[in-house]
Amino acid sequence: MERWRFSSDFHHPVHLHLAQFQVTARGGRPPATTDAGWKDTVDVRPYEVVEVLVRFTGYKGRYMLHCHNLEHEDMAMMGNFQVI
């Protein structure tokens, strides 16, 4: 597992393809009950830091991460990364 931190100056529902994660902290505090369980999308509010533990299993290769705000998807707000 890897620990990741998402932060933003704008509201972004961040979605990760082909992997799941668990929210471990939100704003330096324990996560809300709505954050419980395995996720593939997390809501990141303006100026908030969300920490997650990401699990990559069964697939080595290229993954994609993007914002689920429709306007941001239309502007190609996404990235890809390689898991080896």
C-alpha atoms as a PDB file:
ATOM      1  CA  MET A   1       0.000   0.000   0.000  1.00  0.00           C
ATOM      2  CA  GLU A   2       1.021   3.588  -0.559  1.00  0.00           C
ATOM      3  CA  ARG A   3       0.072   6.690   1.413  1.00  0.00           C
ATOM      4  CA  TRP A   4      -1.110   9.563  -0.792  1.00  0.00           C
ATOM      5  CA  ARG A   5      -2.181  13.115   0.053  1.00  0.00           C
ATOM      6  CA  PHE A   6      -4.691  14.993  -2.077  1.00  0.00           C
ATOM      7  CA  SER A   7      -4.946  18.764  -1.676  1.00  0.00           C
ATOM      8  CA  SER A   8      -6.482  21.527  -3.721  1.00  0.00           C
ATOM      9  CA  ASP A   9      -7.496  25.168  -3.746  1.00  0.00           C
ATOM     10  CA  PHE A  10     -10.794  24.201  -5.430  1.00  0.00           C
ATOM     11  CA  HIS A  11     -13.449  21.500  -4.942  1.00  0.00           C
ATOM     12  CA  HIS A  12     -12.422  18.281  -6.726  1.00  0.00           C
ATOM     13  CA  PRO A  13     -13.997  14.823  -6.509  1.00  0.00           C
ATOM     14  CA  VAL A  14     -10.829  12.868  -7.318  1.00  0.00           C
ATOM     15  CA  HIS A  15     -11.304   9.483  -9.024  1.00  0.00           C
ATOM     16  CA  LEU A  16      -8.664   6.772  -9.379  1.00  0.00           C
ATOM     17  CA  HIS A  17      -9.093   4.085 -12.052  1.00  0.00           C
ATOM     18  CA  LEU A  18      -8.337   0.384 -11.406  1.00  0.00           C
ATOM     19  CA  ALA A  19      -7.413   0.840  -7.724  1.00  0.00           C
ATOM     20  CA  GLN A  20      -9.085   1.385  -4.392  1.00  0.00           C
ATOM     21  CA  PHE A  21      -8.104   3.336  -1.303  1.00  0.00           C
ATOM     22  CA  GLN A  22      -9.153   4.034   2.264  1.00  0.00           C
ATOM     23  CA  VAL A  23      -9.371   7.558   3.678  1.00  0.00           C
ATOM     24  CA  THR A  24      -7.155   7.752   6.779  1.00  0.00           C
ATOM     25  CA  ALA A  25      -7.356  11.477   7.581  1.00  0.00           C
ATOM     26  CA  ARG A  26      -9.185  14.594   6.475  1.00  0.00           C
ATOM     27  CA  GLY A  27      -7.726  17.960   7.404  1.00  0.00           C
ATOM     28  CA  GLY A  28      -5.356  16.309   9.873  1.00  0.00           C
ATOM     29  CA  ARG A  29      -8.250  14.700  11.745  1.00  0.00           C
ATOM     30  CA  PRO A  30      -9.802  11.246  11.625  1.00  0.00           C
ATOM     31  CA  PRO A  31     -12.019  10.697   8.582  1.00  0.00           C
ATOM     32  CA  ALA A  32     -15.788  11.169   8.702  1.00  0.00           C
ATOM     33  CA  THR A  33     -18.075   8.136   8.893  1.00  0.00           C
ATOM     34  CA  THR A  34     -18.991   8.794   5.239  1.00  0.00           C
ATOM     35  CA  ASP A  35     -15.322   8.119   4.387  1.00  0.00           C
ATOM     36  CA  ALA A  36     -15.455   4.554   5.758  1.00  0.00           C
ATOM     37  CA  GLY A  37     -14.727   1.610   3.483  1.00  0.00           C
ATOM     38  CA  TRP A  38     -12.863   1.142   0.227  1.00  0.00           C
ATOM     39  CA  LYS A  39     -13.255   3.994  -2.278  1.00  0.00           C
ATOM     40  CA  ASP A  40     -12.250   4.898  -5.812  1.00  0.00           C
ATOM     41  CA  THR A  41     -13.363   8.541  -5.490  1.00  0.00           C
ATOM     42  CA  VAL A  42     -12.785  11.044  -2.707  1.00  0.00           C
ATOM     43  CA  ASP A  43     -14.282  14.516  -2.325  1.00  0.00           C
ATOM     44  CA  VAL A  44     -11.502  17.074  -1.739  1.00  0.00           C
ATOM     45  CA  ARG A  45     -12.810  20.461  -0.586  1.00  0.00           C
ATOM     46  CA  PRO A  46     -10.971  23.778  -1.106  1.00  0.00           C
ATOM     47  CA  TYR A  47      -7.751  24.011   0.959  1.00  0.00           C
ATOM     48  CA  GLU A  48      -8.343  20.577   2.472  1.00  0.00           C
ATOM     49  CA  VAL A  49      -5.777  17.763   2.680  1.00  0.00           C
ATOM     50  CA  VAL A  50      -7.133  14.226   2.433  1.00  0.00           C
ATOM     51  CA  GLU A  51      -4.796  11.327   3.219  1.00  0.00           C
ATOM     52  CA  VAL A  52      -5.483   7.892   1.779  1.00  0.00           C
ATOM     53  CA  LEU A  53      -3.897   4.442   1.668  1.00  0.00           C
ATOM     54  CA  VAL A  54      -3.972   3.200  -1.932  1.00  0.00           C
ATOM     55  CA  ARG A  55      -3.898  -0.482  -2.829  1.00  0.00           C
ATOM     56  CA  PHE A  56      -2.573  -1.584  -6.241  1.00  0.00           C
ATOM     57  CA  THR A  57      -3.208  -5.304  -6.747  1.00  0.00           C
ATOM     58  CA  GLY A  58      -3.365  -7.594  -9.727  1.00  0.00           C
ATOM     59  CA  TYR A  59      -2.249  -5.113 -12.352  1.00  0.00           C
ATOM     60  CA  LYS A  60       1.089  -3.592 -13.216  1.00  0.00           C
ATOM     61  CA  GLY A  61       0.940  -0.853 -15.789  1.00  0.00           C
ATOM     62  CA  ARG A  62      -0.633   2.500 -16.491  1.00  0.00           C
ATOM     63  CA  TYR A  63      -3.317   3.949 -14.209  1.00  0.00           C
ATOM     64  CA  MET A  64      -5.396   7.110 -14.585  1.00  0.00           C
ATOM     65  CA  LEU A  65      -6.424   9.740 -12.037  1.00  0.00           C
ATOM     66  CA  HIS A  66      -8.885  12.542 -12.782  1.00  0.00           C
ATOM     67  CA  CYS A  67     -11.395  15.023 -11.395  1.00  0.00           C
ATOM     68  CA  HIS A  68     -15.082  14.124 -11.716  1.00  0.00           C
ATOM     69  CA  ASN A  69     -16.239  17.741 -12.133  1.00  0.00           C
ATOM     70  CA  LEU A  70     -17.695  17.670 -15.643  1.00  0.00           C
ATOM     71  CA  GLU A  71     -16.041  20.966 -16.621  1.00  0.00           C
ATOM     72  CA  HIS A  72     -12.670  19.630 -15.494  1.00  0.00           C
ATOM     73  CA  GLU A  73     -13.108  16.366 -17.381  1.00  0.00           C
ATOM     74  CA  ASP A  74     -13.918  18.416 -20.483  1.00  0.00           C
ATOM     75  CA  MET A  75     -10.672  20.384 -19.961  1.00  0.00           C
ATOM     76  CA  ALA A  76      -8.687  17.109 -19.777  1.00  0.00           C
ATOM     77  CA  MET A  77      -7.874  17.523 -16.073  1.00  0.00           C
ATOM     78  CA  MET A  78      -6.383  14.093 -15.648  1.00  0.00           C
ATOM     79  CA  GLY A  79      -3.090  12.366 -15.250  1.00  0.00           C
ATOM     80  CA  ASN A  80      -1.624   8.921 -15.660  1.00  0.00           C
ATOM     81  CA  PHE A  81       1.121   7.067 -13.844  1.00  0.00           C
ATOM     82  CA  GLN A  82       2.903   3.753 -14.078  1.00  0.00           C
ATOM     83  CA  VAL A  83       2.816   1.017 -11.420  1.00  0.00           C
ATOM     84  CA  ILE A  84       5.735  -1.398 -11.770  1.00  0.00           C
END
